PDB file of N, CA and C in Angstrom:
ATOM      1  N   MET A   1      17.278  -2.394   2.743  1.00  0.00           N
ATOM      2  CA  MET A   1      16.212  -2.374   3.714  1.00  0.00           C
ATOM      3  C   MET A   1      14.939  -3.015   3.174  1.00  0.00           C
ATOM      4  N   ILE A   2      14.682  -2.832   1.912  1.00  0.00           N
ATOM      5  CA  ILE A   2      13.461  -3.370   1.322  1.00  0.00           C
ATOM      6  C   ILE A   2      13.808  -4.679   0.623  1.00  0.00           C
ATOM      7  N   PRO A   3      13.045  -5.737   0.889  1.00  0.00           N
ATOM      8  CA  PRO A   3      13.302  -6.988   0.167  1.00  0.00           C
ATOM      9  C   PRO A   3      13.194  -6.767  -1.340  1.00  0.00           C
ATOM     10  N   GLU A   4      14.002  -7.490  -2.083  1.00  0.00           N
ATOM     11  CA  GLU A   4      14.081  -7.263  -3.529  1.00  0.00           C
ATOM     12  C   GLU A   4      12.751  -7.498  -4.229  1.00  0.00           C
ATOM     13  N   ASP A   5      11.960  -8.442  -3.737  1.00  0.00           N
ATOM     14  CA  ASP A   5      10.675  -8.715  -4.384  1.00  0.00           C
ATOM     15  C   ASP A   5       9.635  -7.625  -4.096  1.00  0.00           C
ATOM     16  N   ARG A   6       9.877  -6.784  -3.100  1.00  0.00           N
ATOM     17  CA  ARG A   6       8.960  -5.688  -2.764  1.00  0.00           C
ATOM     18  C   ARG A   6       9.409  -4.344  -3.334  1.00  0.00           C
ATOM     19  N   TRP A   7      10.656  -4.234  -3.788  1.00  0.00           N
ATOM     20  CA  TRP A   7      11.210  -2.977  -4.294  1.00  0.00           C
ATOM     21  C   TRP A   7      10.539  -2.598  -5.604  1.00  0.00           C
ATOM     22  N   SER A   8      10.221  -1.315  -5.750  1.00  0.00           N
ATOM     23  CA  SER A   8       9.592  -0.815  -6.973  1.00  0.00           C
ATOM     24  C   SER A   8      10.607   0.012  -7.758  1.00  0.00           C
ATOM     25  N   GLU A   9      11.183  -0.605  -8.757  1.00  0.00           N
ATOM     26  CA  GLU A   9      12.150   0.091  -9.608  1.00  0.00           C
ATOM     27  C   GLU A   9      11.471   1.230 -10.372  1.00  0.00           C
ATOM     28  N   ARG A  10      10.228   1.007 -10.753  1.00  0.00           N
ATOM     29  CA  ARG A  10       9.478   2.022 -11.496  1.00  0.00           C
ATOM     30  C   ARG A  10       9.256   3.269 -10.642  1.00  0.00           C
ATOM     31  N   ALA A  11       8.880   3.082  -9.379  1.00  0.00           N
ATOM     32  CA  ALA A  11       8.663   4.235  -8.492  1.00  0.00           C
ATOM     33  C   ALA A  11       9.964   4.993  -8.271  1.00  0.00           C
ATOM     34  N   ALA A  12      11.070   4.280  -8.132  1.00  0.00           N
ATOM     35  CA  ALA A  12      12.367   4.948  -7.944  1.00  0.00           C
ATOM     36  C   ALA A  12      12.752   5.733  -9.194  1.00  0.00           C
ATOM     37  N   ARG A  13      12.524   5.163 -10.356  1.00  0.00           N
ATOM     38  CA  ARG A  13      12.860   5.835 -11.616  1.00  0.00           C
ATOM     39  C   ARG A  13      11.984   7.068 -11.828  1.00  0.00           C
ATOM     40  N   VAL A  14      10.679   6.932 -11.580  1.00  0.00           N
ATOM     41  CA  VAL A  14       9.757   8.068 -11.735  1.00  0.00           C
ATOM     42  C   VAL A  14      10.130   9.175 -10.757  1.00  0.00           C
ATOM     43  N   SER A  15      10.435   8.801  -9.520  1.00  0.00           N
ATOM     44  CA  SER A  15      10.809   9.787  -8.519  1.00  0.00           C
ATOM     45  C   SER A  15      12.082  10.528  -8.916  1.00  0.00           C
ATOM     46  N   PHE A  16      13.102   9.786  -9.350  1.00  0.00           N
ATOM     47  CA  PHE A  16      14.369  10.399  -9.744  1.00  0.00           C
ATOM     48  C   PHE A  16      14.172  11.416 -10.862  1.00  0.00           C
ATOM     49  N   TRP A  17      13.500  11.001 -11.929  1.00  0.00           N
ATOM     50  CA  TRP A  17      13.347  11.897 -13.074  1.00  0.00           C
ATOM     51  C   TRP A  17      12.408  13.054 -12.771  1.00  0.00           C
ATOM     52  N   SER A  18      11.366  12.818 -11.998  1.00  0.00           N
ATOM     53  CA  SER A  18      10.441  13.909 -11.666  1.00  0.00           C
ATOM     54  C   SER A  18      11.101  14.944 -10.763  1.00  0.00           C
ATOM     55  N   LEU A  19      11.890  14.495  -9.799  1.00  0.00           N
ATOM     56  CA  LEU A  19      12.597  15.443  -8.938  1.00  0.00           C
ATOM     57  C   LEU A  19      13.541  16.313  -9.764  1.00  0.00           C
ATOM     58  N   ASN A  20      14.288  15.696 -10.668  1.00  0.00           N
ATOM     59  CA  ASN A  20      15.240  16.459 -11.471  1.00  0.00           C
ATOM     60  C   ASN A  20      14.550  17.362 -12.487  1.00  0.00           C
ATOM     61  N   LEU A  21      13.520  16.863 -13.162  1.00  0.00           N
ATOM     62  CA  LEU A  21      12.812  17.696 -14.142  1.00  0.00           C
ATOM     63  C   LEU A  21      12.055  18.841 -13.457  1.00  0.00           C
ATOM     64  N   GLY A  22      11.417  18.557 -12.332  1.00  0.00           N
ATOM     65  CA  GLY A  22      10.700  19.614 -11.603  1.00  0.00           C
ATOM     66  C   GLY A  22      11.642  20.692 -11.106  1.00  0.00           C
ATOM     67  N   LEU A  23      12.788  20.283 -10.586  1.00  0.00           N
ATOM     68  CA  LEU A  23      13.766  21.256 -10.109  1.00  0.00           C
ATOM     69  C   LEU A  23      14.336  22.070 -11.274  1.00  0.00           C
ATOM     70  N   GLY A  24      14.617  21.408 -12.388  1.00  0.00           N
ATOM     71  CA  GLY A  24      15.102  22.113 -13.574  1.00  0.00           C
ATOM     72  C   GLY A  24      14.088  23.132 -14.073  1.00  0.00           C
ATOM     73  N   TRP A  25      12.812  22.735 -14.083  1.00  0.00           N
ATOM     74  CA  TRP A  25      11.756  23.657 -14.500  1.00  0.00           C
ATOM     75  C   TRP A  25      11.725  24.871 -13.588  1.00  0.00           C
ATOM     76  N   MET A  26      11.755  24.629 -12.267  1.00  0.00           N
ATOM     77  CA  MET A  26      11.707  25.741 -11.308  1.00  0.00           C
ATOM     78  C   MET A  26      12.871  26.707 -11.525  1.00  0.00           C
ATOM     79  N   VAL A  27      14.050  26.163 -11.759  1.00  0.00           N
ATOM     80  CA  VAL A  27      15.241  27.007 -11.900  1.00  0.00           C
ATOM     81  C   VAL A  27      15.211  27.793 -13.197  1.00  0.00           C
ATOM     82  N   PHE A  28      15.018  27.105 -14.321  1.00  0.00           N
ATOM     83  CA  PHE A  28      15.197  27.754 -15.623  1.00  0.00           C
ATOM     84  C   PHE A  28      13.978  28.519 -16.114  1.00  0.00           C
ATOM     85  N   VAL A  29      12.789  28.225 -15.592  1.00  0.00           N
ATOM     86  CA  VAL A  29      11.598  28.951 -16.033  1.00  0.00           C
ATOM     87  C   VAL A  29      11.252  30.093 -15.083  1.00  0.00           C
ATOM     88  N   SER A  30      11.624  29.954 -13.802  1.00  0.00           N
ATOM     89  CA  SER A  30      11.222  30.967 -12.838  1.00  0.00           C
ATOM     90  C   SER A  30      12.392  31.651 -12.137  1.00  0.00           C
ATOM     91  N   LEU A  31      13.188  30.898 -11.412  1.00  0.00           N
ATOM     92  CA  LEU A  31      14.210  31.511 -10.559  1.00  0.00           C
ATOM     93  C   LEU A  31      15.307  32.224 -11.339  1.00  0.00           C
ATOM     94  N   PHE A  32      15.797  31.614 -12.395  1.00  0.00           N
ATOM     95  CA  PHE A  32      16.858  32.241 -13.186  1.00  0.00           C
ATOM     96  C   PHE A  32      16.374  33.528 -13.863  1.00  0.00           C
ATOM     97  N   PRO A  33      15.221  33.509 -14.558  1.00  0.00           N
ATOM     98  CA  PRO A  33      14.747  34.776 -15.150  1.00  0.00           C
ATOM     99  C   PRO A  33      14.460  35.855 -14.107  1.00  0.00           C
ATOM    100  N   LEU A  34      13.896  35.467 -12.943  1.00  0.00           N
ATOM    101  CA  LEU A  34      13.663  36.461 -11.890  1.00  0.00           C
ATOM    102  C   LEU A  34      14.969  37.051 -11.383  1.00  0.00           C
ATOM    103  N   GLY A  35      15.986  36.231 -11.273  1.00  0.00           N
ATOM    104  CA  GLY A  35      17.294  36.717 -10.842  1.00  0.00           C
ATOM    105  C   GLY A  35      17.910  37.673 -11.850  1.00  0.00           C
ATOM    106  N   ILE A  36      17.760  37.363 -13.129  1.00  0.00           N
ATOM    107  CA  ILE A  36      18.279  38.254 -14.178  1.00  0.00           C
ATOM    108  C   ILE A  36      17.557  39.598 -14.139  1.00  0.00           C
ATOM    109  N   LEU A  37      16.229  39.567 -13.999  1.00  0.00           N
ATOM    110  CA  LEU A  37      15.468  40.820 -13.919  1.00  0.00           C
ATOM    111  C   LEU A  37      15.867  41.629 -12.695  1.00  0.00           C
ATOM    112  N   GLN A  38      16.062  40.959 -11.576  1.00  0.00           N
ATOM    113  CA  GLN A  38      16.448  41.676 -10.364  1.00  0.00           C
ATOM    114  C   GLN A  38      17.871  42.231 -10.485  1.00  0.00           C
ATOM    115  N   LEU A  39      18.761  41.497 -11.120  1.00  0.00           N
ATOM    116  CA  LEU A  39      20.117  42.008 -11.357  1.00  0.00           C
ATOM    117  C   LEU A  39      20.072  43.244 -12.250  1.00  0.00           C
ATOM    118  N   PHE A  40      19.283  43.181 -13.305  1.00  0.00           N
ATOM    119  CA  PHE A  40      19.141  44.313 -14.209  1.00  0.00           C
ATOM    120  C   PHE A  40      18.602  45.535 -13.464  1.00  0.00           C
ATOM    121  N   GLU A  41      17.592  45.315 -12.636  1.00  0.00           N
ATOM    122  CA  GLU A  41      17.013  46.417 -11.848  1.00  0.00           C
ATOM    123  C   GLU A  41      18.040  46.980 -10.862  1.00  0.00           C
ATOM    124  N   SER A  42      18.798  46.105 -10.250  1.00  0.00           N
ATOM    125  CA  SER A  42      19.804  46.527  -9.270  1.00  0.00           C
ATOM    126  C   SER A  42      20.914  47.348  -9.921  1.00  0.00           C
ATOM    127  N   VAL A  43      21.358  46.929 -11.089  1.00  0.00           N
ATOM    128  CA  VAL A  43      22.437  47.645 -11.777  1.00  0.00           C
ATOM    129  C   VAL A  43      21.947  49.006 -12.271  1.00  0.00           C
ATOM    130  N   ASN A  44      20.730  49.065 -12.789  1.00  0.00           N
ATOM    131  CA  ASN A  44      20.222  50.317 -13.355  1.00  0.00           C
ATOM    132  C   ASN A  44      19.684  51.306 -12.324  1.00  0.00           C
ATOM    133  N   HIS A  45      19.059  50.803 -11.254  1.00  0.00           N
ATOM    134  CA  HIS A  45      18.386  51.708 -10.322  1.00  0.00           C
ATOM    135  C   HIS A  45      18.863  51.569  -8.871  1.00  0.00           C
ATOM    136  N   GLY A  46      19.728  50.606  -8.608  1.00  0.00           N
ATOM    137  CA  GLY A  46      20.243  50.443  -7.249  1.00  0.00           C
ATOM    138  C   GLY A  46      19.658  49.219  -6.555  1.00  0.00           C
ATOM    139  N   TYR A  47      20.416  48.755  -5.575  1.00  0.00           N
ATOM    140  CA  TYR A  47      20.028  47.546  -4.838  1.00  0.00           C
ATOM    141  C   TYR A  47      18.713  47.743  -4.098  1.00  0.00           C
ATOM    142  N   TYR A  48      18.527  48.913  -3.519  1.00  0.00           N
ATOM    143  CA  TYR A  48      17.304  49.183  -2.759  1.00  0.00           C
ATOM    144  C   TYR A  48      16.070  49.044  -3.648  1.00  0.00           C
ATOM    145  N   GLU A  49      16.134  49.599  -4.841  1.00  0.00           N
ATOM    146  CA  GLU A  49      14.986  49.532  -5.759  1.00  0.00           C
ATOM    147  C   GLU A  49      14.681  48.097  -6.179  1.00  0.00           C
ATOM    148  N   ALA A  50      15.709  47.280  -6.289  1.00  0.00           N
ATOM    149  CA  ALA A  50      15.500  45.892  -6.703  1.00  0.00           C
ATOM    150  C   ALA A  50      14.876  45.047  -5.600  1.00  0.00           C
ATOM    151  N   ARG A  51      14.864  45.562  -4.372  1.00  0.00           N
ATOM    152  CA  ARG A  51      14.304  44.824  -3.237  1.00  0.00           C
ATOM    153  C   ARG A  51      12.978  45.393  -2.750  1.00  0.00           C
ATOM    154  N   THR A  52      12.482  46.441  -3.418  1.00  0.00           N
ATOM    155  CA  THR A  52      11.225  47.052  -2.975  1.00  0.00           C
ATOM    156  C   THR A  52      10.042  46.168  -3.325  1.00  0.00           C
ATOM    157  N   LEU A  53       8.962  46.376  -2.585  1.00  0.00           N
ATOM    158  CA  LEU A  53       7.740  45.619  -2.817  1.00  0.00           C
ATOM    159  C   LEU A  53       7.156  45.920  -4.200  1.00  0.00           C
ATOM    160  N   ALA A  54       7.330  47.150  -4.658  1.00  0.00           N
ATOM    161  CA  ALA A  54       6.814  47.521  -5.978  1.00  0.00           C
ATOM    162  C   ALA A  54       7.482  46.696  -7.083  1.00  0.00           C
ATOM    163  N   PHE A  55       8.785  46.483  -6.968  1.00  0.00           N
ATOM    164  CA  PHE A  55       9.469  45.672  -7.983  1.00  0.00           C
ATOM    165  C   PHE A  55       9.105  44.196  -7.850  1.00  0.00           C
ATOM    166  N   LEU A  56       9.096  43.702  -6.621  1.00  0.00           N
ATOM    167  CA  LEU A  56       8.854  42.271  -6.409  1.00  0.00           C
ATOM    168  C   LEU A  56       7.444  41.842  -6.782  1.00  0.00           C
ATOM    169  N   THR A  57       6.499  42.787  -6.775  1.00  0.00           N
ATOM    170  CA  THR A  57       5.112  42.428  -7.090  1.00  0.00           C
ATOM    171  C   THR A  57       4.652  42.956  -8.448  1.00  0.00           C
ATOM    172  N   ASN A  58       5.591  43.335  -9.303  1.00  0.00           N
ATOM    173  CA  ASN A  58       5.161  43.820 -10.618  1.00  0.00           C
ATOM    174  C   ASN A  58       4.605  42.653 -11.448  1.00  0.00           C
ATOM    175  N   PRO A  59       3.822  42.931 -12.486  1.00  0.00           N
ATOM    176  CA  PRO A  59       3.147  41.870 -13.237  1.00  0.00           C
ATOM    177  C   PRO A  59       4.094  40.838 -13.869  1.00  0.00           C
ATOM    178  N   THR A  60       5.257  41.269 -14.313  1.00  0.00           N
ATOM    179  CA  THR A  60       6.204  40.324 -14.921  1.00  0.00           C
ATOM    180  C   THR A  60       6.690  39.310 -13.880  1.00  0.00           C
ATOM    181  N   ASN A  61       7.023  39.784 -12.695  1.00  0.00           N
ATOM    182  CA  ASN A  61       7.486  38.887 -11.643  1.00  0.00           C
ATOM    183  C   ASN A  61       6.379  37.943 -11.193  1.00  0.00           C
ATOM    184  N   LYS A  62       5.155  38.469 -11.109  1.00  0.00           N
ATOM    185  CA  LYS A  62       4.028  37.610 -10.730  1.00  0.00           C
ATOM    186  C   LYS A  62       3.832  36.494 -11.759  1.00  0.00           C
ATOM    187  N   MET A  63       3.923  36.851 -13.051  1.00  0.00           N
ATOM    188  CA  MET A  63       3.748  35.843 -14.093  1.00  0.00           C
ATOM    189  C   MET A  63       4.840  34.770 -14.000  1.00  0.00           C
ATOM    190  N   LEU A  64       6.097  35.183 -13.779  1.00  0.00           N
ATOM    191  CA  LEU A  64       7.191  34.216 -13.672  1.00  0.00           C
ATOM    192  C   LEU A  64       7.034  33.336 -12.440  1.00  0.00           C
ATOM    193  N   GLU A  65       6.495  33.879 -11.378  1.00  0.00           N
ATOM    194  CA  GLU A  65       6.242  33.067 -10.197  1.00  0.00           C
ATOM    195  C   GLU A  65       5.152  32.032 -10.462  1.00  0.00           C
ATOM    196  N   TRP A  66       4.123  32.389 -11.209  1.00  0.00           N
ATOM    197  CA  TRP A  66       3.075  31.428 -11.547  1.00  0.00           C
ATOM    198  C   TRP A  66       3.569  30.379 -12.540  1.00  0.00           C
ATOM    199  N   LEU A  67       4.534  30.757 -13.380  1.00  0.00           N
ATOM    200  CA  LEU A  67       5.082  29.776 -14.315  1.00  0.00           C
ATOM    201  C   LEU A  67       5.894  28.692 -13.602  1.00  0.00           C
ATOM    202  N   ARG A  68       6.210  28.917 -12.357  1.00  0.00           N
ATOM    203  CA  ARG A  68       6.941  27.924 -11.573  1.00  0.00           C
ATOM    204  C   ARG A  68       6.036  26.776 -11.135  1.00  0.00           C
ATOM    205  N   LEU A  69       4.740  26.997 -11.109  1.00  0.00           N
ATOM    206  CA  LEU A  69       3.783  26.017 -10.600  1.00  0.00           C
ATOM    207  C   LEU A  69       3.872  24.642 -11.266  1.00  0.00           C
ATOM    208  N   PRO A  70       3.967  24.527 -12.602  1.00  0.00           N
ATOM    209  CA  PRO A  70       4.076  23.182 -13.185  1.00  0.00           C
ATOM    210  C   PRO A  70       5.311  22.422 -12.687  1.00  0.00           C
ATOM    211  N   GLY A  71       6.416  23.116 -12.532  1.00  0.00           N
ATOM    212  CA  GLY A  71       7.614  22.461 -12.006  1.00  0.00           C
ATOM    213  C   GLY A  71       7.419  21.997 -10.578  1.00  0.00           C
ATOM    214  N   ASP A  72       6.734  22.806  -9.775  1.00  0.00           N
ATOM    215  CA  ASP A  72       6.428  22.416  -8.395  1.00  0.00           C
ATOM    216  C   ASP A  72       5.553  21.164  -8.365  1.00  0.00           C
ATOM    217  N   LEU A  73       4.557  21.123  -9.232  1.00  0.00           N
ATOM    218  CA  LEU A  73       3.654  19.970  -9.267  1.00  0.00           C
ATOM    219  C   LEU A  73       4.385  18.697  -9.693  1.00  0.00           C
ATOM    220  N   VAL A  74       5.232  18.806 -10.713  1.00  0.00           N
ATOM    221  CA  VAL A  74       6.013  17.643 -11.137  1.00  0.00           C
ATOM    222  C   VAL A  74       6.917  17.183 -10.003  1.00  0.00           C
ATOM    223  N   PHE A  75       7.556  18.117  -9.321  1.00  0.00           N
ATOM    224  CA  PHE A  75       8.458  17.808  -8.211  1.00  0.00           C
ATOM    225  C   PHE A  75       7.716  17.085  -7.090  1.00  0.00           C
ATOM    226  N   ILE A  76       6.541  17.614  -6.712  1.00  0.00           N
ATOM    227  CA  ILE A  76       5.814  17.054  -5.573  1.00  0.00           C
ATOM    228  C   ILE A  76       5.092  15.759  -5.941  1.00  0.00           C
ATOM    229  N   ILE A  77       4.288  15.784  -7.002  1.00  0.00           N
ATOM    230  CA  ILE A  77       3.469  14.623  -7.340  1.00  0.00           C
ATOM    231  C   ILE A  77       4.306  13.493  -7.914  1.00  0.00           C
ATOM    232  N   GLY A  78       5.177  13.814  -8.856  1.00  0.00           N
ATOM    233  CA  GLY A  78       5.963  12.762  -9.501  1.00  0.00           C
ATOM    234  C   GLY A  78       7.227  12.389  -8.766  1.00  0.00           C
ATOM    235  N   GLY A  79       7.734  13.288  -7.902  1.00  0.00           N
ATOM    236  CA  GLY A  79       9.002  13.018  -7.240  1.00  0.00           C
ATOM    237  C   GLY A  79       8.878  12.673  -5.770  1.00  0.00           C
ATOM    238  N   VAL A  80       8.160  13.490  -5.019  1.00  0.00           N
ATOM    239  CA  VAL A  80       8.093  13.297  -3.575  1.00  0.00           C
ATOM    240  C   VAL A  80       7.151  12.154  -3.207  1.00  0.00           C
ATOM    241  N   LEU A  81       5.992  12.059  -3.848  1.00  0.00           N
ATOM    242  CA  LEU A  81       5.043  11.005  -3.486  1.00  0.00           C
ATOM    243  C   LEU A  81       5.597   9.592  -3.725  1.00  0.00           C
ATOM    244  N   PRO A  82       6.222   9.296  -4.878  1.00  0.00           N
ATOM    245  CA  PRO A  82       6.827   7.963  -5.017  1.00  0.00           C
ATOM    246  C   PRO A  82       7.965   7.725  -4.027  1.00  0.00           C
ATOM    247  N   LEU A  83       8.707   8.775  -3.698  1.00  0.00           N
ATOM    248  CA  LEU A  83       9.782   8.640  -2.713  1.00  0.00           C
ATOM    249  C   LEU A  83       9.211   8.317  -1.330  1.00  0.00           C
ATOM    250  N   LEU A  84       8.119   8.955  -0.963  1.00  0.00           N
ATOM    251  CA  LEU A  84       7.454   8.623   0.300  1.00  0.00           C
ATOM    252  C   LEU A  84       6.935   7.192   0.291  1.00  0.00           C
ATOM    253  N   TYR A  85       6.438   6.745  -0.854  1.00  0.00           N
ATOM    254  CA  TYR A  85       5.987   5.354  -0.993  1.00  0.00           C
ATOM    255  C   TYR A  85       7.144   4.387  -0.768  1.00  0.00           C
ATOM    256  N   LEU A  86       8.301   4.687  -1.340  1.00  0.00           N
ATOM    257  CA  LEU A  86       9.474   3.831  -1.141  1.00  0.00           C
ATOM    258  C   LEU A  86       9.927   3.844   0.316  1.00  0.00           C
ATOM    259  N   CYS A  87       9.851   5.002   0.965  1.00  0.00           N
ATOM    260  CA  CYS A  87      10.195   5.074   2.390  1.00  0.00           C
ATOM    261  C   CYS A  87       9.216   4.254   3.218  1.00  0.00           C
ATOM    262  N   TRP A  88       7.939   4.330   2.866  1.00  0.00           N
ATOM    263  CA  TRP A  88       6.943   3.526   3.566  1.00  0.00           C
ATOM    264  C   TRP A  88       7.239   2.036   3.390  1.00  0.00           C
ATOM    265  N   LEU A  89       7.617   1.619   2.183  1.00  0.00           N
ATOM    266  CA  LEU A  89       7.991   0.217   1.966  1.00  0.00           C
ATOM    267  C   LEU A  89       9.166  -0.175   2.847  1.00  0.00           C
ATOM    268  N   GLY A  90      10.125   0.715   2.987  1.00  0.00           N
ATOM    269  CA  GLY A  90      11.290   0.427   3.821  1.00  0.00           C
ATOM    270  C   GLY A  90      10.925   0.238   5.277  1.00  0.00           C
ATOM    271  N   VAL A  91       9.991   1.045   5.761  1.00  0.00           N
ATOM    272  CA  VAL A  91       9.574   0.917   7.158  1.00  0.00           C
ATOM    273  C   VAL A  91       8.689  -0.312   7.337  1.00  0.00           C
ATOM    274  N   TRP A  92       7.785  -0.542   6.408  1.00  0.00           N
ATOM    275  CA  TRP A  92       6.832  -1.643   6.517  1.00  0.00           C
ATOM    276  C   TRP A  92       7.508  -3.011   6.419  1.00  0.00           C
ATOM    277  N   HIS A  93       8.503  -3.134   5.568  1.00  0.00           N
ATOM    278  CA  HIS A  93       9.139  -4.432   5.314  1.00  0.00           C
ATOM    279  C   HIS A  93      10.516  -4.560   5.943  1.00  0.00           C
ATOM    280  N   ARG A  94      10.792  -3.756   6.931  1.00  0.00           N
ATOM    281  CA  ARG A  94      12.114  -3.864   7.539  1.00  0.00           C
ATOM    282  C   ARG A  94      12.230  -5.201   8.269  1.00  0.00           C
ATOM    283  N   GLY A  95      13.389  -5.772   8.170  1.00  0.00           N
ATOM    284  CA  GLY A  95      13.626  -7.050   8.822  1.00  0.00           C
ATOM    285  C   GLY A  95      14.320  -6.846  10.149  1.00  0.00           C
ATOM    286  N   ARG A  96      14.388  -7.902  10.890  1.00  0.00           N
ATOM    287  CA  ARG A  96      15.096  -7.819  12.163  1.00  0.00           C
ATOM    288  C   ARG A  96      16.589  -7.859  11.888  1.00  0.00           C
ATOM    289  N   PRO A  97      17.372  -7.062  12.601  1.00  0.00           N
ATOM    290  CA  PRO A  97      18.816  -7.076  12.393  1.00  0.00           C
ATOM    291  C   PRO A  97      19.406  -8.410  12.849  1.00  0.00           C
ATOM    292  N   ALA A  98      20.416  -8.835  12.134  1.00  0.00           N
ATOM    293  CA  ALA A  98      21.090 -10.075  12.495  1.00  0.00           C
ATOM    294  C   ALA A  98      21.926  -9.846  13.749  1.00  0.00           C
ATOM    295  N   VAL A  99      21.795 -10.744  14.724  1.00  0.00           N
ATOM    296  CA  VAL A  99      22.529 -10.625  15.979  1.00  0.00           C
ATOM    297  C   VAL A  99      23.432 -11.841  16.104  1.00  0.00           C
ATOM    298  N   ASP A 100      24.671 -11.581  16.446  1.00  0.00           N
ATOM    299  CA  ASP A 100      25.624 -12.666  16.655  1.00  0.00           C
ATOM    300  C   ASP A 100      25.245 -13.385  17.949  1.00  0.00           C
ATOM    301  N   PRO A 101      24.985 -14.691  17.888  1.00  0.00           N
ATOM    302  CA  PRO A 101      24.561 -15.392  19.100  1.00  0.00           C
ATOM    303  C   PRO A 101      25.635 -15.439  20.182  1.00  0.00           C
ATOM    304  N   ASP A 102      26.900 -15.212  19.833  1.00  0.00           N
ATOM    305  CA  ASP A 102      27.964 -15.240  20.832  1.00  0.00           C
ATOM    306  C   ASP A 102      27.966 -13.987  21.702  1.00  0.00           C
ATOM    307  N   LEU A 103      27.375 -12.921  21.209  1.00  0.00           N
ATOM    308  CA  LEU A 103      27.359 -11.683  21.988  1.00  0.00           C
ATOM    309  C   LEU A 103      26.244 -11.731  23.014  1.00  0.00           C
ATOM    310  N   ARG A 104      26.527 -11.270  24.187  1.00  0.00           N
ATOM    311  CA  ARG A 104      25.532 -11.218  25.252  1.00  0.00           C
ATOM    312  C   ARG A 104      24.981  -9.796  25.330  1.00  0.00           C
ATOM    313  N   ALA A 105      23.841  -9.676  25.877  1.00  0.00           N
ATOM    314  CA  ALA A 105      23.229  -8.352  26.016  1.00  0.00           C
ATOM    315  C   ALA A 105      24.120  -7.462  26.870  1.00  0.00           C
ATOM    316  N   GLY A 106      24.395  -6.273  26.385  1.00  0.00           N
ATOM    317  CA  GLY A 106      25.195  -5.318  27.123  1.00  0.00           C
ATOM    318  C   GLY A 106      26.693  -5.492  26.948  1.00  0.00           C
ATOM    319  N   THR A 107      27.129  -6.503  26.232  1.00  0.00           N
ATOM    320  CA  THR A 107      28.553  -6.718  26.025  1.00  0.00           C
ATOM    321  C   THR A 107      29.019  -5.903  24.847  1.00  0.00           C
ATOM    322  N   LEU A 108      30.019  -5.086  25.070  1.00  0.00           N
ATOM    323  CA  LEU A 108      30.549  -4.269  23.995  1.00  0.00           C
ATOM    324  C   LEU A 108      31.722  -4.954  23.316  1.00  0.00           C
ATOM    325  N   PHE A 109      32.614  -5.521  24.115  1.00  0.00           N
ATOM    326  CA  PHE A 109      33.795  -6.174  23.570  1.00  0.00           C
ATOM    327  C   PHE A 109      33.846  -7.606  24.088  1.00  0.00           C
ATOM    328  N   THR A 110      34.386  -8.453  23.275  1.00  0.00           N
ATOM    329  CA  THR A 110      34.600  -9.821  23.738  1.00  0.00           C
ATOM    330  C   THR A 110      36.092 -10.086  23.772  1.00  0.00           C
ATOM    331  N   THR A 111      36.500 -10.821  24.762  1.00  0.00           N
ATOM    332  CA  THR A 111      37.910 -11.159  24.857  1.00  0.00           C
ATOM    333  C   THR A 111      38.041 -12.668  24.918  1.00  0.00           C
ATOM    334  N   THR A 112      39.148 -13.131  24.442  1.00  0.00           N
ATOM    335  CA  THR A 112      39.404 -14.572  24.516  1.00  0.00           C
ATOM    336  C   THR A 112      40.250 -14.844  25.750  1.00  0.00           C
ATOM    337  N   PRO A 113      39.939 -15.912  26.455  1.00  0.00           N
ATOM    338  CA  PRO A 113      40.743 -16.215  27.656  1.00  0.00           C
ATOM    339  C   PRO A 113      42.152 -16.586  27.266  1.00  0.00           C
ATOM    340  N   SER A 114      43.130 -16.149  28.075  1.00  0.00           N
ATOM    341  CA  SER A 114      44.528 -16.453  27.803  1.00  0.00           C
ATOM    342  C   SER A 114      44.985 -17.695  28.521  1.00  0.00           C
TER     343      SER A 114
END
């Protein structure tokens, strides 16, 4: 969709790595540890206790949720913004589709005379 001279390989590379690194950060620094803590709470005190507001808002969980922020920023700034730029390039530099001159408007099939 984007002409080769307008394509930004650097933006695609930055977007790819930022999306993956940001997602990895979110998973391994925040979501995985929170899941382990909630599993531990569920096994020791029951499923209901692991879902209460008191457990979900305890200081350890709040800290782990804030530790997710750098991964979110890398994901959004380094991954989503360059991807949006590439999408904008695709829309801005789109070419006209090639049309076969033998086809007429509204013709779906062509047949050869027998």
